């Protein structure tokens, strides 16, 4: 189930508008109206993306009188981050090796 949930998260994050929404929600909670203005999209389009994000567990919604406020739910993103960690170590090791190689090359040229 872990892979399936993560696959869904990756599929959802593949959509640029959804990533923009998450970027905005990272700063603070926002209403649908604020997101419509910030994204320069129609209200139905923003609502559709918010529904997908909510169903995936990436955002939470709270009702306050007539407004719905959306906030980021970081737990699914933490799962993706944990999955990516070994790859970051791999990249860091390769970048360190490249740095050493370039330092050796520049030392040979002097």
PDB file of N, CA and C in Angstrom:
ATOM      1  N   UNK A   1       0.822  -1.197   0.000  1.00  0.00           N
ATOM      2  CA  UNK A   1       0.000   0.000   0.000  1.00  0.00           C
ATOM      3  C   UNK A   1       0.865   1.259   0.000  1.00  0.00           C
ATOM      4  N   UNK A   2       2.052   1.176   0.620  1.00  0.00           N
ATOM      5  CA  UNK A   2       2.952   2.333   0.699  1.00  0.00           C
ATOM      6  C   UNK A   2       3.333   2.808  -0.693  1.00  0.00           C
ATOM      7  N   UNK A   3       3.723   1.894  -1.583  1.00  0.00           N
ATOM      8  CA  UNK A   3       4.120   2.258  -2.937  1.00  0.00           C
ATOM      9  C   UNK A   3       2.931   2.846  -3.685  1.00  0.00           C
ATOM     10  N   UNK A   4       1.771   2.244  -3.561  1.00  0.00           N
ATOM     11  CA  UNK A   4       0.587   2.738  -4.249  1.00  0.00           C
ATOM     12  C   UNK A   4       0.259   4.158  -3.811  1.00  0.00           C
ATOM     13  N   UNK A   5       0.293   4.423  -2.505  1.00  0.00           N
ATOM     14  CA  UNK A   5       0.022   5.768  -2.000  1.00  0.00           C
ATOM     15  C   UNK A   5       1.053   6.762  -2.494  1.00  0.00           C
ATOM     16  N   UNK A   6       2.312   6.346  -2.520  1.00  0.00           N
ATOM     17  CA  UNK A   6       3.367   7.243  -2.979  1.00  0.00           C
ATOM     18  C   UNK A   6       3.236   7.483  -4.476  1.00  0.00           C
ATOM     19  N   UNK A   7       2.867   6.437  -5.236  1.00  0.00           N
ATOM     20  CA  UNK A   7       2.673   6.612  -6.671  1.00  0.00           C
ATOM     21  C   UNK A   7       1.588   7.650  -6.919  1.00  0.00           C
ATOM     22  N   UNK A   8       0.525   7.577  -6.168  1.00  0.00           N
ATOM     23  CA  UNK A   8      -0.552   8.549  -6.299  1.00  0.00           C
ATOM     24  C   UNK A   8      -0.047   9.945  -5.967  1.00  0.00           C
ATOM     25  N   UNK A   9       0.737  10.074  -4.909  1.00  0.00           N
ATOM     26  CA  UNK A   9       1.290  11.375  -4.537  1.00  0.00           C
ATOM     27  C   UNK A   9       2.148  11.925  -5.658  1.00  0.00           C
ATOM     28  N   UNK A  10       2.998  11.094  -6.251  1.00  0.00           N
ATOM     29  CA  UNK A  10       3.828  11.546  -7.367  1.00  0.00           C
ATOM     30  C   UNK A  10       2.964  11.976  -8.555  1.00  0.00           C
ATOM     31  N   UNK A  11       1.920  11.211  -8.854  1.00  0.00           N
ATOM     32  CA  UNK A  11       1.035  11.567  -9.959  1.00  0.00           C
ATOM     33  C   UNK A  11       0.365  12.918  -9.716  1.00  0.00           C
ATOM     34  N   UNK A  12      -0.049  13.139  -8.494  1.00  0.00           N
ATOM     35  CA  UNK A  12      -0.706  14.395  -8.148  1.00  0.00           C
ATOM     36  C   UNK A  12       0.283  15.552  -8.210  1.00  0.00           C
ATOM     37  N   UNK A  13       1.495  15.326  -7.718  1.00  0.00           N
ATOM     38  CA  UNK A  13       2.513  16.378  -7.726  1.00  0.00           C
ATOM     39  C   UNK A  13       3.061  16.657  -9.127  1.00  0.00           C
ATOM     40  N   UNK A  14       2.804  15.779 -10.067  1.00  0.00           N
ATOM     41  CA  UNK A  14       3.289  15.983 -11.432  1.00  0.00           C
ATOM     42  C   UNK A  14       2.581  17.156 -12.114  1.00  0.00           C
ATOM     43  N   UNK A  15       1.425  17.546 -11.608  1.00  0.00           N
ATOM     44  CA  UNK A  15       0.645  18.622 -12.216  1.00  0.00           C
ATOM     45  C   UNK A  15       1.151  19.969 -11.686  1.00  0.00           C
ATOM     46  N   UNK A  16       1.639  20.847 -12.561  1.00  0.00           N
ATOM     47  CA  UNK A  16       2.245  22.115 -12.120  1.00  0.00           C
ATOM     48  C   UNK A  16       1.328  23.015 -11.291  1.00  0.00           C
ATOM     49  N   UNK A  17       0.053  23.083 -11.630  1.00  0.00           N
ATOM     50  CA  UNK A  17      -0.860  23.935 -10.865  1.00  0.00           C
ATOM     51  C   UNK A  17      -0.987  23.439  -9.435  1.00  0.00           C
ATOM     52  N   UNK A  18      -1.020  22.142  -9.254  1.00  0.00           N
ATOM     53  CA  UNK A  18      -1.116  21.597  -7.897  1.00  0.00           C
ATOM     54  C   UNK A  18       0.141  21.908  -7.090  1.00  0.00           C
ATOM     55  N   UNK A  19       1.292  21.848  -7.739  1.00  0.00           N
ATOM     56  CA  UNK A  19       2.537  22.223  -7.034  1.00  0.00           C
ATOM     57  C   UNK A  19       2.507  23.693  -6.648  1.00  0.00           C
ATOM     58  N   UNK A  20       1.970  24.539  -7.529  1.00  0.00           N
ATOM     59  CA  UNK A  20       1.858  25.967  -7.203  1.00  0.00           C
ATOM     60  C   UNK A  20       0.932  26.179  -6.015  1.00  0.00           C
ATOM     61  N   UNK A  21      -0.167  25.447  -5.978  1.00  0.00           N
ATOM     62  CA  UNK A  21      -1.092  25.549  -4.839  1.00  0.00           C
ATOM     63  C   UNK A  21      -0.369  25.150  -3.559  1.00  0.00           C
ATOM     64  N   UNK A  22       0.353  24.043  -3.585  1.00  0.00           N
ATOM     65  CA  UNK A  22       1.082  23.609  -2.394  1.00  0.00           C
ATOM     66  C   UNK A  22       2.127  24.646  -1.977  1.00  0.00           C
ATOM     67  N   UNK A  23       2.791  25.261  -2.953  1.00  0.00           N
ATOM     68  CA  UNK A  23       3.766  26.307  -2.635  1.00  0.00           C
ATOM     69  C   UNK A  23       3.094  27.473  -1.908  1.00  0.00           C
ATOM     70  N   UNK A  24       1.918  27.863  -2.372  1.00  0.00           N
ATOM     71  CA  UNK A  24       1.195  28.949  -1.718  1.00  0.00           C
ATOM     72  C   UNK A  24       0.732  28.550  -0.317  1.00  0.00           C
ATOM     73  N   UNK A  25       0.277  27.320  -0.167  1.00  0.00           N
ATOM     74  CA  UNK A  25      -0.207  26.860   1.132  1.00  0.00           C
ATOM     75  C   UNK A  25       0.939  26.622   2.113  1.00  0.00           C
ATOM     76  N   UNK A  26       2.141  26.457   1.599  1.00  0.00           N
ATOM     77  CA  UNK A  26       3.299  26.301   2.474  1.00  0.00           C
ATOM     78  C   UNK A  26       3.509  27.568   3.301  1.00  0.00           C
ATOM     79  N   UNK A  27       3.161  28.710   2.726  1.00  0.00           N
ATOM     80  CA  UNK A  27       3.319  29.990   3.408  1.00  0.00           C
ATOM     81  C   UNK A  27       2.283  30.172   4.510  1.00  0.00           C
ATOM     82  N   UNK A  28       1.029  29.813   4.194  1.00  0.00           N
ATOM     83  CA  UNK A  28      -0.074  29.976   5.163  1.00  0.00           C
ATOM     84  C   UNK A  28      -1.357  29.401   4.587  1.00  0.00           C
ATOM     85  N   UNK A  29      -2.356  29.264   5.440  1.00  0.00           N
ATOM     86  CA  UNK A  29      -3.682  28.849   4.979  1.00  0.00           C
ATOM     87  C   UNK A  29      -4.225  29.892   4.008  1.00  0.00           C
ATOM     88  N   UNK A  30      -5.018  29.430   3.056  1.00  0.00           N
ATOM     89  CA  UNK A  30      -5.611  30.358   2.091  1.00  0.00           C
ATOM     90  C   UNK A  30      -7.032  29.931   1.750  1.00  0.00           C
ATOM     91  N   UNK A  31      -7.833  30.911   1.411  1.00  0.00           N
ATOM     92  CA  UNK A  31      -9.191  30.625   0.950  1.00  0.00           C
ATOM     93  C   UNK A  31      -9.144  30.334  -0.548  1.00  0.00           C
ATOM     94  N   UNK A  32     -10.224  29.764  -1.053  1.00  0.00           N
ATOM     95  CA  UNK A  32     -10.309  29.477  -2.487  1.00  0.00           C
ATOM     96  C   UNK A  32     -10.161  30.779  -3.274  1.00  0.00           C
ATOM     97  N   UNK A  33     -10.812  31.830  -2.798  1.00  0.00           N
ATOM     98  CA  UNK A  33     -10.738  33.119  -3.485  1.00  0.00           C
ATOM     99  C   UNK A  33      -9.320  33.647  -3.590  1.00  0.00           C
ATOM    100  N   UNK A  34      -8.556  33.519  -2.523  1.00  0.00           N
ATOM    101  CA  UNK A  34      -7.154  33.955  -2.556  1.00  0.00           C
ATOM    102  C   UNK A  34      -6.359  33.146  -3.577  1.00  0.00           C
ATOM    103  N   UNK A  35      -6.608  31.851  -3.622  1.00  0.00           N
ATOM    104  CA  UNK A  35      -5.897  30.999  -4.569  1.00  0.00           C
ATOM    105  C   UNK A  35      -6.282  31.329  -6.007  1.00  0.00           C
ATOM    106  N   UNK A  36      -7.553  31.633  -6.238  1.00  0.00           N
ATOM    107  CA  UNK A  36      -8.016  32.016  -7.578  1.00  0.00           C
ATOM    108  C   UNK A  36      -7.239  33.244  -8.055  1.00  0.00           C
ATOM    109  N   UNK A  37      -7.114  34.251  -7.178  1.00  0.00           N
ATOM    110  CA  UNK A  37      -6.403  35.483  -7.540  1.00  0.00           C
ATOM    111  C   UNK A  37      -4.914  35.191  -7.745  1.00  0.00           C
ATOM    112  N   UNK A  38      -4.303  34.478  -6.818  1.00  0.00           N
ATOM    113  CA  UNK A  38      -2.862  34.216  -6.887  1.00  0.00           C
ATOM    114  C   UNK A  38      -2.483  33.389  -8.111  1.00  0.00           C
ATOM    115  N   UNK A  39      -3.362  32.463  -8.491  1.00  0.00           N
ATOM    116  CA  UNK A  39      -3.057  31.562  -9.613  1.00  0.00           C
ATOM    117  C   UNK A  39      -3.581  32.085 -10.949  1.00  0.00           C
ATOM    118  N   UNK A  40      -4.463  33.098 -10.886  1.00  0.00           N
ATOM    119  CA  UNK A  40      -5.087  33.640 -12.095  1.00  0.00           C
ATOM    120  C   UNK A  40      -5.811  32.541 -12.872  1.00  0.00           C
ATOM    121  N   UNK A  41      -6.583  31.755 -12.120  1.00  0.00           N
ATOM    122  CA  UNK A  41      -7.384  30.678 -12.701  1.00  0.00           C
ATOM    123  C   UNK A  41      -8.836  30.863 -12.294  1.00  0.00           C
ATOM    124  N   UNK A  42      -9.732  30.149 -12.948  1.00  0.00           N
ATOM    125  CA  UNK A  42     -11.147  30.209 -12.580  1.00  0.00           C
ATOM    126  C   UNK A  42     -11.378  29.486 -11.252  1.00  0.00           C
ATOM    127  N   UNK A  43     -12.437  29.872 -10.575  1.00  0.00           N
ATOM    128  CA  UNK A  43     -12.776  29.234  -9.300  1.00  0.00           C
ATOM    129  C   UNK A  43     -13.054  27.741  -9.482  1.00  0.00           C
ATOM    130  N   UNK A  44     -13.800  27.320 -10.524  1.00  0.00           N
ATOM    131  CA  UNK A  44     -14.008  25.873 -10.694  1.00  0.00           C
ATOM    132  C   UNK A  44     -12.704  25.098 -10.904  1.00  0.00           C
ATOM    133  N   UNK A  45     -11.767  25.688 -11.632  1.00  0.00           N
ATOM    134  CA  UNK A  45     -10.483  25.018 -11.875  1.00  0.00           C
ATOM    135  C   UNK A  45      -9.697  24.862 -10.571  1.00  0.00           C
ATOM    136  N   UNK A  46      -9.633  25.925  -9.785  1.00  0.00           N
ATOM    137  CA  UNK A  46      -8.925  25.859  -8.507  1.00  0.00           C
ATOM    138  C   UNK A  46      -9.604  24.852  -7.585  1.00  0.00           C
ATOM    139  N   UNK A  47     -10.929  24.882  -7.548  1.00  0.00           N
ATOM    140  CA  UNK A  47     -11.664  23.941  -6.694  1.00  0.00           C
ATOM    141  C   UNK A  47     -11.405  22.495  -7.098  1.00  0.00           C
ATOM    142  N   UNK A  48     -11.306  22.246  -8.401  1.00  0.00           N
ATOM    143  CA  UNK A  48     -11.021  20.886  -8.882  1.00  0.00           C
ATOM    144  C   UNK A  48      -9.653  20.416  -8.380  1.00  0.00           C
ATOM    145  N   UNK A  49      -8.645  21.284  -8.495  1.00  0.00           N
ATOM    146  CA  UNK A  49      -7.305  20.924  -8.025  1.00  0.00           C
ATOM    147  C   UNK A  49      -7.290  20.732  -6.506  1.00  0.00           C
ATOM    148  N   UNK A  50      -8.008  21.579  -5.793  1.00  0.00           N
ATOM    149  CA  UNK A  50      -8.073  21.435  -4.333  1.00  0.00           C
ATOM    150  C   UNK A  50      -8.746  20.131  -3.936  1.00  0.00           C
ATOM    151  N   UNK A  51      -9.774  19.736  -4.672  1.00  0.00           N
ATOM    152  CA  UNK A  51     -10.445  18.464  -4.373  1.00  0.00           C
ATOM    153  C   UNK A  51      -9.471  17.301  -4.534  1.00  0.00           C
ATOM    154  N   UNK A  52      -8.686  17.308  -5.614  1.00  0.00           N
ATOM    155  CA  UNK A  52      -7.711  16.240  -5.846  1.00  0.00           C
ATOM    156  C   UNK A  52      -6.678  16.225  -4.720  1.00  0.00           C
ATOM    157  N   UNK A  53      -6.177  17.399  -4.350  1.00  0.00           N
ATOM    158  CA  UNK A  53      -5.187  17.494  -3.271  1.00  0.00           C
ATOM    159  C   UNK A  53      -5.779  17.030  -1.937  1.00  0.00           C
ATOM    160  N   UNK A  54      -7.024  17.390  -1.685  1.00  0.00           N
ATOM    161  CA  UNK A  54      -7.687  16.989  -0.434  1.00  0.00           C
ATOM    162  C   UNK A  54      -7.901  15.477  -0.399  1.00  0.00           C
ATOM    163  N   UNK A  55      -8.367  14.903  -1.498  1.00  0.00           N
ATOM    164  CA  UNK A  55      -8.602  13.458  -1.551  1.00  0.00           C
ATOM    165  C   UNK A  55      -7.303  12.676  -1.399  1.00  0.00           C
ATOM    166  N   UNK A  56      -6.197  13.266  -1.825  1.00  0.00           N
ATOM    167  CA  UNK A  56      -4.886  12.617  -1.679  1.00  0.00           C
ATOM    168  C   UNK A  56      -4.298  12.844  -0.287  1.00  0.00           C
ATOM    169  N   UNK A  57      -4.958  13.647   0.519  1.00  0.00           N
ATOM    170  CA  UNK A  57      -4.465  13.904   1.870  1.00  0.00           C
ATOM    171  C   UNK A  57      -3.358  14.935   1.936  1.00  0.00           C
ATOM    172  N   UNK A  58      -3.150  15.693   0.856  1.00  0.00           N
ATOM    173  CA  UNK A  58      -2.081  16.689   0.834  1.00  0.00           C
ATOM    174  C   UNK A  58      -2.513  18.033   1.410  1.00  0.00           C
ATOM    175  N   UNK A  59      -3.822  18.282   1.446  1.00  0.00           N
ATOM    176  CA  UNK A  59      -4.337  19.503   2.061  1.00  0.00           C
ATOM    177  C   UNK A  59      -5.498  19.157   2.971  1.00  0.00           C
ATOM    178  N   UNK A  60      -5.729  20.039   3.914  1.00  0.00           N
ATOM    179  CA  UNK A  60      -6.897  19.936   4.797  1.00  0.00           C
ATOM    180  C   UNK A  60      -7.730  21.188   4.584  1.00  0.00           C
ATOM    181  N   UNK A  61      -9.004  21.058   4.856  1.00  0.00           N
ATOM    182  CA  UNK A  61      -9.908  22.195   4.706  1.00  0.00           C
ATOM    183  C   UNK A  61     -10.641  22.408   6.021  1.00  0.00           C
ATOM    184  N   UNK A  62     -10.826  23.668   6.355  1.00  0.00           N
ATOM    185  CA  UNK A  62     -11.648  23.993   7.527  1.00  0.00           C
ATOM    186  C   UNK A  62     -12.637  25.066   7.129  1.00  0.00           C
ATOM    187  N   UNK A  63     -13.844  24.896   7.630  1.00  0.00           N
ATOM    188  CA  UNK A  63     -14.928  25.825   7.332  1.00  0.00           C
ATOM    189  C   UNK A  63     -14.925  26.920   8.392  1.00  0.00           C
ATOM    190  N   UNK A  64     -15.019  28.163   7.942  1.00  0.00           N
ATOM    191  CA  UNK A  64     -15.119  29.311   8.845  1.00  0.00           C
ATOM    192  C   UNK A  64     -16.209  30.211   8.290  1.00  0.00           C
ATOM    193  N   UNK A  65     -17.393  30.083   8.861  1.00  0.00           N
ATOM    194  CA  UNK A  65     -18.572  30.801   8.371  1.00  0.00           C
ATOM    195  C   UNK A  65     -18.789  30.448   6.899  1.00  0.00           C
ATOM    196  N   UNK A  66     -18.693  31.427   6.010  1.00  0.00           N
ATOM    197  CA  UNK A  66     -18.944  31.184   4.592  1.00  0.00           C
ATOM    198  C   UNK A  66     -17.693  30.761   3.819  1.00  0.00           C
ATOM    199  N   UNK A  67     -16.551  30.818   4.448  1.00  0.00           N
ATOM    200  CA  UNK A  67     -15.299  30.521   3.744  1.00  0.00           C
ATOM    201  C   UNK A  67     -14.748  29.152   4.104  1.00  0.00           C
ATOM    202  N   UNK A  68     -14.056  28.596   3.129  1.00  0.00           N
ATOM    203  CA  UNK A  68     -13.289  27.370   3.350  1.00  0.00           C
ATOM    204  C   UNK A  68     -11.822  27.760   3.275  1.00  0.00           C
ATOM    205  N   UNK A  69     -11.078  27.361   4.290  1.00  0.00           N
ATOM    206  CA  UNK A  69      -9.652  27.652   4.349  1.00  0.00           C
ATOM    207  C   UNK A  69      -8.887  26.363   4.113  1.00  0.00           C
ATOM    208  N   UNK A  70      -7.932  26.427   3.212  1.00  0.00           N
ATOM    209  CA  UNK A  70      -7.123  25.264   2.881  1.00  0.00           C
ATOM    210  C   UNK A  70      -5.727  25.424   3.457  1.00  0.00           C
ATOM    211  N   UNK A  71      -5.228  24.330   4.009  1.00  0.00           N
ATOM    212  CA  UNK A  71      -3.890  24.323   4.575  1.00  0.00           C
ATOM    213  C   UNK A  71      -3.132  23.087   4.116  1.00  0.00           C
ATOM    214  N   UNK A  72      -1.837  23.197   4.168  1.00  0.00           N
ATOM    215  CA  UNK A  72      -0.962  22.106   3.761  1.00  0.00           C
ATOM    216  C   UNK A  72      -0.942  21.009   4.824  1.00  0.00           C
ATOM    217  N   UNK A  73      -0.982  19.783   4.384  1.00  0.00           N
ATOM    218  CA  UNK A  73      -0.818  18.622   5.264  1.00  0.00           C
ATOM    219  C   UNK A  73       0.497  17.975   4.860  1.00  0.00           C
ATOM    220  N   UNK A  74       1.564  18.168   5.647  1.00  0.00           N
ATOM    221  CA  UNK A  74       2.907  17.775   5.205  1.00  0.00           C
ATOM    222  C   UNK A  74       3.236  16.286   5.277  1.00  0.00           C
ATOM    223  N   UNK A  75       2.447  15.490   5.975  1.00  0.00           N
ATOM    224  CA  UNK A  75       2.814  14.084   6.159  1.00  0.00           C
ATOM    225  C   UNK A  75       3.051  13.314   4.864  1.00  0.00           C
ATOM    226  N   UNK A  76       2.180  13.409   3.855  1.00  0.00           N
ATOM    227  CA  UNK A  76       2.467  12.681   2.606  1.00  0.00           C
ATOM    228  C   UNK A  76       3.749  13.169   1.929  1.00  0.00           C
ATOM    229  N   UNK A  77       4.047  14.446   2.061  1.00  0.00           N
ATOM    230  CA  UNK A  77       5.281  14.972   1.480  1.00  0.00           C
ATOM    231  C   UNK A  77       6.493  14.465   2.243  1.00  0.00           C
ATOM    232  N   UNK A  78       6.340  14.253   3.538  1.00  0.00           N
ATOM    233  CA  UNK A  78       7.437  13.695   4.337  1.00  0.00           C
ATOM    234  C   UNK A  78       7.735  12.267   3.886  1.00  0.00           C
ATOM    235  N   UNK A  79       6.714  11.519   3.502  1.00  0.00           N
ATOM    236  CA  UNK A  79       6.921  10.161   2.989  1.00  0.00           C
ATOM    237  C   UNK A  79       7.723  10.193   1.692  1.00  0.00           C
ATOM    238  N   UNK A  80       7.396  11.130   0.809  1.00  0.00           N
ATOM    239  CA  UNK A  80       8.142  11.270  -0.446  1.00  0.00           C
ATOM    240  C   UNK A  80       9.577  11.680  -0.140  1.00  0.00           C
ATOM    241  N   UNK A  81       9.742  12.603   0.792  1.00  0.00           N
ATOM    242  CA  UNK A  81      11.084  13.051   1.181  1.00  0.00           C
ATOM    243  C   UNK A  81      11.907  11.889   1.728  1.00  0.00           C
ATOM    244  N   UNK A  82      11.303  11.069   2.558  1.00  0.00           N
ATOM    245  CA  UNK A  82      12.014   9.910   3.117  1.00  0.00           C
ATOM    246  C   UNK A  82      12.417   8.940   2.001  1.00  0.00           C
ATOM    247  N   UNK A  83      11.549   8.761   1.022  1.00  0.00           N
ATOM    248  CA  UNK A  83      11.868   7.871  -0.089  1.00  0.00           C
ATOM    249  C   UNK A  83      13.024   8.439  -0.921  1.00  0.00           C
ATOM    250  N   UNK A  84      13.085   9.761  -1.073  1.00  0.00           N
ATOM    251  CA  UNK A  84      14.130  10.400  -1.876  1.00  0.00           C
ATOM    252  C   UNK A  84      15.480  10.487  -1.173  1.00  0.00           C
ATOM    253  N   UNK A  85      15.503  10.364   0.143  1.00  0.00           N
ATOM    254  CA  UNK A  85      16.738  10.550   0.912  1.00  0.00           C
ATOM    255  C   UNK A  85      17.910   9.710   0.415  1.00  0.00           C
ATOM    256  N   UNK A  86      17.764   8.406   0.166  1.00  0.00           N
ATOM    257  CA  UNK A  86      18.908   7.631  -0.330  1.00  0.00           C
ATOM    258  C   UNK A  86      19.438   8.148  -1.674  1.00  0.00           C
ATOM    259  N   UNK A  87      18.541   8.685  -2.497  1.00  0.00           N
ATOM    260  CA  UNK A  87      18.969   9.232  -3.781  1.00  0.00           C
ATOM    261  C   UNK A  87      19.751  10.527  -3.584  1.00  0.00           C
ATOM    262  N   UNK A  88      19.339  11.339  -2.609  1.00  0.00           N
ATOM    263  CA  UNK A  88      20.102  12.555  -2.294  1.00  0.00           C
ATOM    264  C   UNK A  88      21.509  12.203  -1.850  1.00  0.00           C
ATOM    265  N   UNK A  89      21.641  11.159  -1.024  1.00  0.00           N
ATOM    266  CA  UNK A  89      22.975  10.725  -0.586  1.00  0.00           C
ATOM    267  C   UNK A  89      23.802  10.262  -1.783  1.00  0.00           C
ATOM    268  N   UNK A  90      23.167   9.544  -2.696  1.00  0.00           N
ATOM    269  CA  UNK A  90      23.853   9.083  -3.903  1.00  0.00           C
ATOM    270  C   UNK A  90      24.332  10.275  -4.728  1.00  0.00           C
ATOM    271  N   UNK A  91      23.457  11.251  -4.939  1.00  0.00           N
ATOM    272  CA  UNK A  91      23.833  12.435  -5.712  1.00  0.00           C
ATOM    273  C   UNK A  91      24.932  13.210  -5.011  1.00  0.00           C
ATOM    274  N   UNK A  92      24.813  13.364  -3.701  1.00  0.00           N
ATOM    275  CA  UNK A  92      25.828  14.107  -2.949  1.00  0.00           C
ATOM    276  C   UNK A  92      27.183  13.421  -3.080  1.00  0.00           C
ATOM    277  N   UNK A  93      27.204  12.090  -2.994  1.00  0.00           N
ATOM    278  CA  UNK A  93      28.459  11.353  -3.149  1.00  0.00           C
ATOM    279  C   UNK A  93      29.056  11.555  -4.530  1.00  0.00           C
ATOM    280  N   UNK A  94      28.225  11.545  -5.529  1.00  0.00           N
ATOM    281  CA  UNK A  94      28.730  11.742  -6.894  1.00  0.00           C
ATOM    282  C   UNK A  94      29.200  13.170  -7.118  1.00  0.00           C
ATOM    283  N   UNK A  95      28.509  14.128  -6.536  1.00  0.00           N
ATOM    284  CA  UNK A  95      28.953  15.517  -6.652  1.00  0.00           C
ATOM    285  C   UNK A  95      30.271  15.730  -5.915  1.00  0.00           C
ATOM    286  N   UNK A  96      30.419  15.078  -4.762  1.00  0.00           N
ATOM    287  CA  UNK A  96      31.694  15.159  -4.036  1.00  0.00           C
ATOM    288  C   UNK A  96      32.822  14.575  -4.876  1.00  0.00           C
ATOM    289  N   UNK A  97      32.557  13.449  -5.529  1.00  0.00           N
ATOM    290  CA  UNK A  97      33.574  12.821  -6.380  1.00  0.00           C
ATOM    291  C   UNK A  97      33.926  13.729  -7.561  1.00  0.00           C
ATOM    292  N   UNK A  98      32.929  14.370  -8.147  1.00  0.00           N
ATOM    293  CA  UNK A  98      33.184  15.299  -9.244  1.00  0.00           C
ATOM    294  C   UNK A  98      34.026  16.477  -8.759  1.00  0.00           C
ATOM    295  N   UNK A  99      33.704  16.988  -7.600  1.00  0.00           N
ATOM    296  CA  UNK A  99      34.466  18.103  -7.036  1.00  0.00           C
ATOM    297  C   UNK A  99      35.931  17.707  -6.820  1.00  0.00           C
ATOM    298  N   UNK A 100      36.153  16.501  -6.274  1.00  0.00           N
ATOM    299  CA  UNK A 100      37.529  16.018  -6.078  1.00  0.00           C
ATOM    300  C   UNK A 100      38.248  15.883  -7.423  1.00  0.00           C
ATOM    301  N   UNK A 101      37.552  15.345  -8.408  1.00  0.00           N
ATOM    302  CA  UNK A 101      38.136  15.164  -9.739  1.00  0.00           C
ATOM    303  C   UNK A 101      38.526  16.516 -10.339  1.00  0.00           C
ATOM    304  N   UNK A 102      37.641  17.494 -10.248  1.00  0.00           N
ATOM    305  CA  UNK A 102      37.937  18.806 -10.796  1.00  0.00           C
ATOM    306  C   UNK A 102      39.074  19.491 -10.061  1.00  0.00           C
ATOM    307  N   UNK A 103      39.134  19.281  -8.759  1.00  0.00           N
ATOM    308  CA  UNK A 103      40.238  19.852  -7.975  1.00  0.00           C
ATOM    309  C   UNK A 103      41.560  19.226  -8.399  1.00  0.00           C
ATOM    310  N   UNK A 104      41.551  17.909  -8.640  1.00  0.00           N
ATOM    311  CA  UNK A 104      42.767  17.223  -9.089  1.00  0.00           C
ATOM    312  C   UNK A 104      43.176  17.732 -10.473  1.00  0.00           C
ATOM    313  N   UNK A 105      42.193  17.924 -11.365  1.00  0.00           N
ATOM    314  CA  UNK A 105      42.486  18.398 -12.708  1.00  0.00           C
ATOM    315  C   UNK A 105      43.068  19.805 -12.673  1.00  0.00           C
ATOM    316  N   UNK A 106      42.522  20.643 -11.828  1.00  0.00           N
ATOM    317  CA  UNK A 106      43.034  22.012 -11.747  1.00  0.00           C
ATOM    318  C   UNK A 106      44.406  22.038 -11.107  1.00  0.00           C
ATOM    319  N   UNK A 107      44.674  21.086 -10.204  1.00  0.00           N
ATOM    320  CA  UNK A 107      45.998  20.980  -9.599  1.00  0.00           C
ATOM    321  C   UNK A 107      47.029  20.516 -10.606  1.00  0.00           C
ATOM    322  N   UNK A 108      46.622  19.651 -11.545  1.00  0.00           N
ATOM    323  CA  UNK A 108      47.537  19.155 -12.585  1.00  0.00           C
ATOM    324  C   UNK A 108      47.885  20.256 -13.581  1.00  0.00           C
ATOM    325  N   UNK A 109      46.931  21.202 -13.796  1.00  0.00           N
ATOM    326  CA  UNK A 109      47.157  22.237 -14.799  1.00  0.00           C
ATOM    327  C   UNK A 109      48.113  23.310 -14.309  1.00  0.00           C
ATOM    328  N   UNK A 110      48.322  23.445 -12.996  1.00  0.00           N
ATOM    329  CA  UNK A 110      49.193  24.517 -12.512  1.00  0.00           C
ATOM    330  C   UNK A 110      50.630  24.130 -12.420  1.00  0.00           C
TER     331      UNK A 110
END
